[in-house]
């Protein structure tokens, strides 16, 4: 699940509700705090903390502490709970907006949807870069050559790995994402979030303002602004809001990648695929993205 796409869904779902209206508009559910509180929430900068002023209400305080160590700078990519990526710090930054192609013994998936090799190019919708994900213990790495051939030389593929020791939040209780594609998983979480903050106009306002933020800064805006927004409406959110916001920001692993391109040059590095799994293949790739020869 991609955070940028998910936040867009949250904005749409949240703005569907009357309680997302600006303060002073006479809507029900917007009676907790004066306009000064909403201004603080809208700025996505907490106005109260243990050091600067009164303690936040209980749910806001717990959320702020829960999110304190969440890394909002790294790119995170959702591939499904059944995918455990290789681990490595040896890689370059990638974009979570690129399509994800997952390769396993069982199937090939593009953004969570099954695809045959011949269908890959059509499912990329014109994208020229893809994230290639092979599970850590996956031994069917020989399929990589088939996938790269199907993508063609005009598509750049980046083999991805998660950053060791990174924090990943568990799926909140009551949400079933098994066998769901990325779009369906995103909608389920967006609906759950909208319901959780349904009586907190300041939280809805914060989400609605994310549309004007740069995509790279949206998760940081939620991390900093949501505890203050929840405090501004006297914590009128459901008990599972903390888990939902934490999963929104850190339910997917932060990843790095290595460019994987094939070469016919006799001097190119040869990587024998026999006996390799996803982790060993990632480790074998040059960190500088130099083309390689994959030998069966």
Protein backbone atom coordinates (compact mmCIF):
# COMPACT_ATOMS: atom_id res chain seq x y z
CA UNK A 1 0.00 0.00 0.00
CA UNK A 2 1.45 3.36 -0.99
CA UNK A 3 1.17 6.15 1.58
CA UNK A 4 0.56 8.89 -1.00
CA UNK A 5 -2.32 7.01 -2.59
CA UNK A 6 -3.71 5.99 0.79
CA UNK A 7 -3.69 9.54 2.13
CA UNK A 8 -5.51 10.68 -1.01
CA UNK A 9 -8.19 8.09 -0.27
CA UNK A 10 -8.38 9.21 3.37
CA UNK A 11 -8.90 12.79 2.21
CA UNK A 12 -11.72 11.75 -0.13
CA UNK A 13 -13.43 9.56 2.48
CA UNK A 14 -12.99 12.14 5.25
CA UNK A 15 -14.29 15.02 3.17
CA UNK A 16 -17.43 13.02 2.45
CA UNK A 17 -18.47 13.51 6.06
CA UNK A 18 -20.21 16.67 7.37
CA UNK A 19 -17.90 16.73 10.40
CA UNK A 20 -14.99 17.64 8.09
CA UNK A 21 -16.48 21.12 7.59
CA UNK A 22 -14.51 24.19 8.75
CA UNK A 23 -15.17 25.47 12.24
CA UNK A 24 -18.01 27.96 12.51
CA UNK A 25 -19.96 26.38 9.65
CA UNK A 26 -22.67 25.18 12.03
CA UNK A 27 -22.10 21.45 11.38
CA UNK A 28 -22.82 18.84 13.99
CA UNK A 29 -19.82 17.20 15.62
CA UNK A 30 -17.74 20.40 15.64
CA UNK A 31 -18.30 21.74 19.13
CA UNK A 32 -15.25 20.80 21.16
CA UNK A 33 -12.68 23.60 20.85
CA UNK A 34 -12.29 27.28 19.86
CA UNK A 35 -10.85 28.39 16.53
CA UNK A 36 -7.35 28.81 17.96
CA UNK A 37 -7.14 25.05 18.50
CA UNK A 38 -8.11 24.33 14.90
CA UNK A 39 -5.45 26.74 13.67
CA UNK A 40 -2.81 24.85 15.60
CA UNK A 41 -4.05 21.53 14.19
CA UNK A 42 -4.17 22.87 10.66
CA UNK A 43 -0.55 24.00 10.83
CA UNK A 44 0.52 20.39 11.52
CA UNK A 45 2.74 21.67 14.37
CA UNK A 46 1.97 20.52 17.91
CA UNK A 47 1.17 23.47 20.18
CA UNK A 48 1.44 21.56 23.43
CA UNK A 49 3.96 19.12 24.82
CA UNK A 50 5.36 18.13 28.17
CA UNK A 51 8.06 20.78 27.73
CA UNK A 52 5.99 23.59 26.20
CA UNK A 53 2.60 23.51 27.90
CA UNK A 54 -0.27 21.43 29.28
CA UNK A 55 -0.16 17.70 28.78
CA UNK A 56 -2.09 16.34 25.82
CA UNK A 57 -5.26 14.40 26.47
CA UNK A 58 -4.64 10.69 27.01
CA UNK A 59 -5.20 9.34 23.47
CA UNK A 60 -3.24 12.18 21.89
CA UNK A 61 -0.38 11.73 24.35
CA UNK A 62 -0.21 7.98 23.71
CA UNK A 63 -0.23 8.53 19.95
CA UNK A 64 2.55 11.11 20.14
CA UNK A 65 4.72 8.70 22.12
CA UNK A 66 3.85 5.79 19.80
CA UNK A 67 4.95 7.76 16.73
CA UNK A 68 8.09 9.29 18.25
CA UNK A 69 10.47 6.73 16.76
CA UNK A 70 8.67 6.22 13.44
CA UNK A 71 10.93 7.00 10.47
CA UNK A 72 8.94 9.24 8.14
CA UNK A 73 11.86 10.08 5.84
CA UNK A 74 12.41 6.68 4.20
CA UNK A 75 10.32 5.43 1.30
CA UNK A 76 7.95 2.64 2.36
CA UNK A 77 6.43 0.09 0.02
CA UNK A 78 3.52 -2.24 0.78
CA UNK A 79 3.75 -5.67 -0.82
CA UNK A 80 1.41 -7.67 1.40
CA UNK A 81 1.89 -9.35 4.76
CA UNK A 82 3.08 -12.57 3.08
CA UNK A 83 6.17 -10.90 1.58
CA UNK A 84 9.34 -10.69 3.70
CA UNK A 85 11.97 -8.76 1.79
CA UNK A 86 15.73 -9.24 1.93
CA UNK A 87 17.47 -6.90 4.35
CA UNK A 88 20.25 -4.49 3.45
CA UNK A 89 21.48 -0.94 3.96
CA UNK A 90 23.49 -1.38 0.77
CA UNK A 91 21.22 0.26 -1.73
CA UNK A 92 20.01 3.56 -3.15
CA UNK A 93 16.80 5.49 -2.42
CA UNK A 94 13.85 4.49 -4.60
CA UNK A 95 10.37 5.90 -5.15
CA UNK A 96 7.34 4.29 -3.55
CA UNK A 97 5.32 5.60 -6.51
CA UNK A 98 6.93 3.15 -8.94
CA UNK A 99 4.91 -0.02 -9.73
CA UNK A 100 5.89 -3.07 -7.65
CA UNK A 101 6.45 -6.42 -9.36
CA UNK A 102 6.58 -9.32 -6.89
CA UNK A 103 8.13 -12.56 -8.14
CA UNK A 104 7.57 -15.85 -6.31
CA UNK A 105 7.36 -19.53 -7.16
CA UNK A 106 3.58 -19.30 -7.01
CA UNK A 107 2.96 -16.23 -9.14
CA UNK A 108 3.96 -12.81 -10.41
CA UNK A 109 2.05 -9.80 -9.09
CA UNK A 110 1.95 -6.18 -10.26
CA UNK A 111 0.76 -3.86 -7.49
CA UNK A 112 -0.84 -6.84 -5.79
CA UNK A 113 -2.64 -8.21 -8.86
CA UNK A 114 -1.59 -11.52 -10.54
CA UNK A 115 -0.03 -11.14 -13.97
CA UNK A 116 1.58 -13.33 -16.60
CA UNK A 117 4.97 -12.23 -18.02
CA UNK A 118 3.37 -11.26 -21.33
CA UNK A 119 1.00 -8.90 -19.45
CA UNK A 120 3.65 -7.03 -17.47
CA UNK A 121 4.26 -4.14 -19.85
CA UNK A 122 0.54 -3.40 -20.22
CA UNK A 123 0.02 -3.39 -16.45
CA UNK A 124 2.78 -0.81 -15.92
CA UNK A 125 0.64 1.89 -17.57
CA UNK A 126 3.62 3.47 -19.27
CA UNK A 127 5.90 3.58 -16.21
CA UNK A 128 9.58 3.23 -17.11
CA UNK A 129 10.81 2.19 -13.63
CA UNK A 130 9.63 -0.70 -11.48
CA UNK A 131 10.36 -2.10 -8.04
CA UNK A 132 11.27 -5.77 -8.32
CA UNK A 133 10.53 -7.65 -5.10
CA UNK A 134 11.75 -11.18 -4.44
CA UNK A 135 11.06 -12.56 -0.94
CA UNK A 136 14.05 -13.09 1.32
CA UNK A 137 13.91 -16.89 1.26
CA UNK A 138 12.48 -17.30 -2.25
CA UNK A 139 14.53 -19.87 -4.17
CA UNK A 140 12.86 -19.45 -7.57
CA UNK A 141 15.14 -16.56 -8.51
CA UNK A 142 15.55 -18.03 -11.98
CA UNK A 143 12.23 -16.37 -12.91
CA UNK A 144 13.95 -13.00 -12.69
CA UNK A 145 15.46 -13.43 -16.16
CA UNK A 146 12.01 -14.15 -17.59
CA UNK A 147 10.53 -11.08 -15.91
CA UNK A 148 13.34 -8.78 -17.06
CA UNK A 149 12.98 -10.06 -20.61
CA UNK A 150 9.23 -9.39 -20.49
CA UNK A 151 9.78 -5.85 -19.18
CA UNK A 152 12.23 -5.10 -21.97
CA UNK A 153 15.35 -2.91 -22.07
CA UNK A 154 13.39 0.36 -21.83
CA UNK A 155 12.16 -0.41 -18.29
CA UNK A 156 14.55 0.02 -15.36
CA UNK A 157 14.13 -2.56 -12.59
CA UNK A 158 15.30 -2.04 -9.02
CA UNK A 159 15.57 -5.03 -6.70
CA UNK A 160 14.36 -3.89 -3.29
CA UNK A 161 15.32 -4.73 0.28
CA UNK A 162 14.11 -3.54 3.66
CA UNK A 163 16.35 -1.58 6.01
CA UNK A 164 17.54 -3.76 8.93
CA UNK A 165 16.10 -2.93 12.32
CA UNK A 166 13.35 -0.73 10.91
CA UNK A 167 10.11 -0.43 12.85
CA UNK A 168 7.01 -1.90 11.24
CA UNK A 169 3.59 -1.59 12.87
CA UNK A 170 1.19 -4.56 12.92
CA UNK A 171 -2.15 -4.60 11.14
CA UNK A 172 -4.86 -3.22 13.48
CA UNK A 173 -7.42 -5.69 14.78
CA UNK A 174 -10.66 -5.98 12.85
CA UNK A 175 -9.19 -5.26 9.40
CA UNK A 176 -8.87 -8.26 7.09
CA UNK A 177 -6.44 -7.59 4.25
CA UNK A 178 -5.81 -11.20 3.27
CA UNK A 179 -5.99 -11.80 -0.49
CA UNK A 180 -6.71 -8.09 -1.08
CA UNK A 181 -5.03 -5.99 -3.78
CA UNK A 182 -3.32 -2.71 -2.93
CA UNK A 183 -6.30 -0.57 -3.88
CA UNK A 184 -8.68 -2.66 -1.79
CA UNK A 185 -6.33 -2.64 1.21
CA UNK A 186 -5.96 1.12 0.96
CA UNK A 187 -9.74 1.61 0.83
CA UNK A 188 -10.28 -0.62 3.88
CA UNK A 189 -7.78 1.38 5.92
CA UNK A 190 -9.11 4.72 4.67
CA UNK A 191 -12.65 3.76 5.69
CA UNK A 192 -11.48 2.56 9.11
CA UNK A 193 -9.56 5.81 9.67
CA UNK A 194 -12.51 7.95 8.62
CA UNK A 195 -14.76 6.11 11.06
CA UNK A 196 -12.18 6.35 13.86
CA UNK A 197 -11.82 10.14 13.63
CA UNK A 198 -15.43 10.77 12.62
CA UNK A 199 -16.22 13.02 15.60
CA UNK A 200 -12.94 14.97 15.46
CA UNK A 201 -13.25 17.80 12.95
CA UNK A 202 -9.66 18.94 13.59
CA UNK A 203 -8.26 15.52 12.62
CA UNK A 204 -10.36 15.48 9.45
CA UNK A 205 -9.19 18.99 8.64
CA UNK A 206 -5.56 17.91 8.99
CA UNK A 207 -6.09 15.06 6.52
CA UNK A 208 -7.89 17.34 4.07
CA UNK A 209 -4.97 19.79 4.12
CA UNK A 210 -2.46 17.09 3.16
CA UNK A 211 -3.50 17.44 -0.49
CA UNK A 212 -1.53 20.69 -0.66
CA UNK A 213 1.58 19.17 0.96
CA UNK A 214 4.46 17.72 -1.01
CA UNK A 215 4.00 13.90 -1.08
CA UNK A 216 7.35 13.35 0.62
CA UNK A 217 6.27 15.46 3.60
CA UNK A 218 2.78 14.11 4.22
CA UNK A 219 3.73 11.36 6.65
CA UNK A 220 5.75 13.86 8.72
CA UNK A 221 2.74 16.21 8.76
CA UNK A 222 0.56 13.39 10.13
CA UNK A 223 3.20 12.40 12.69
CA UNK A 224 3.55 15.93 14.03
CA UNK A 225 0.03 17.22 13.55
CA UNK A 226 -2.29 14.35 14.41
CA UNK A 227 -1.66 14.24 18.19
CA UNK A 228 -2.32 18.00 18.37
CA UNK A 229 -5.43 17.69 16.21
CA UNK A 230 -6.80 14.89 18.39
CA UNK A 231 -6.05 16.94 21.50
CA UNK A 232 -7.90 19.90 19.97
CA UNK A 233 -11.12 17.88 19.86
CA UNK A 234 -10.65 16.56 23.41
CA UNK A 235 -9.67 13.09 22.18
CA UNK A 236 -13.08 12.43 20.62
CA UNK A 237 -11.74 9.56 18.52
CA UNK A 238 -12.19 5.81 18.83
CA UNK A 239 -9.84 3.65 20.87
CA UNK A 240 -8.28 2.06 17.78
CA UNK A 241 -7.20 5.40 16.27
CA UNK A 242 -3.68 5.04 17.67
CA UNK A 243 -3.19 1.65 16.00
CA UNK A 244 -4.64 2.89 12.70
CA UNK A 245 -2.44 6.00 12.52
CA UNK A 246 0.65 4.00 13.49
CA UNK A 247 -0.11 1.43 10.78
CA UNK A 248 -0.76 4.20 8.26
CA UNK A 249 2.72 5.61 8.81
CA UNK A 250 4.72 2.46 9.50
CA UNK A 251 2.72 -0.58 8.41
CA UNK A 252 4.97 -1.00 5.38
CA UNK A 253 8.73 -1.53 5.52
CA UNK A 254 11.16 1.24 4.55
CA UNK A 255 13.13 0.06 1.54
CA UNK A 256 16.22 0.71 -0.56
CA UNK A 257 17.05 -0.76 -3.96
CA UNK A 258 19.74 -1.85 -6.39
CA UNK A 259 19.36 -1.43 -10.12
CA UNK A 260 19.15 -4.81 -11.87
CA UNK A 261 20.00 -4.71 -15.56
CA UNK A 262 21.33 -7.42 -17.84
CA UNK A 263 24.43 -7.28 -19.99
CA UNK A 264 25.81 -9.37 -22.83
CA UNK A 265 29.30 -8.02 -22.29
CA UNK A 266 31.73 -10.85 -21.62
CA UNK A 267 33.44 -8.75 -18.96
CA UNK A 268 30.22 -8.08 -17.01
CA UNK A 269 29.89 -9.64 -13.58
CA UNK A 270 28.35 -13.12 -13.80
CA UNK A 271 25.90 -14.20 -11.09
CA UNK A 272 25.13 -17.95 -11.05
CA UNK A 273 21.50 -18.28 -9.92
CA UNK A 274 21.74 -21.89 -8.77
CA UNK A 275 21.47 -22.08 -5.00
CA UNK A 276 20.51 -18.42 -4.58
CA UNK A 277 17.45 -17.08 -2.81
CA UNK A 278 16.10 -13.54 -2.68
CA UNK A 279 18.57 -12.40 -0.01
CA UNK A 280 21.62 -13.89 -1.72
CA UNK A 281 20.64 -12.45 -5.10
CA UNK A 282 20.30 -8.98 -3.61
CA UNK A 283 23.66 -9.30 -1.86
CA UNK A 284 25.31 -10.44 -5.11
CA UNK A 285 24.20 -7.41 -7.12
CA UNK A 286 26.70 -4.54 -7.50
CA UNK A 287 25.74 -1.55 -5.38
CA UNK A 288 26.55 0.82 -8.25
CA UNK A 289 23.93 -0.69 -10.58
CA UNK A 290 26.43 -2.11 -13.07
CA UNK A 291 24.82 -4.53 -15.56
CA UNK A 292 25.29 -8.22 -14.80
CA UNK A 293 24.86 -11.61 -16.43
CA UNK A 294 22.45 -13.99 -14.72
CA UNK A 295 23.51 -17.59 -15.29
CA UNK A 296 21.11 -20.49 -14.73
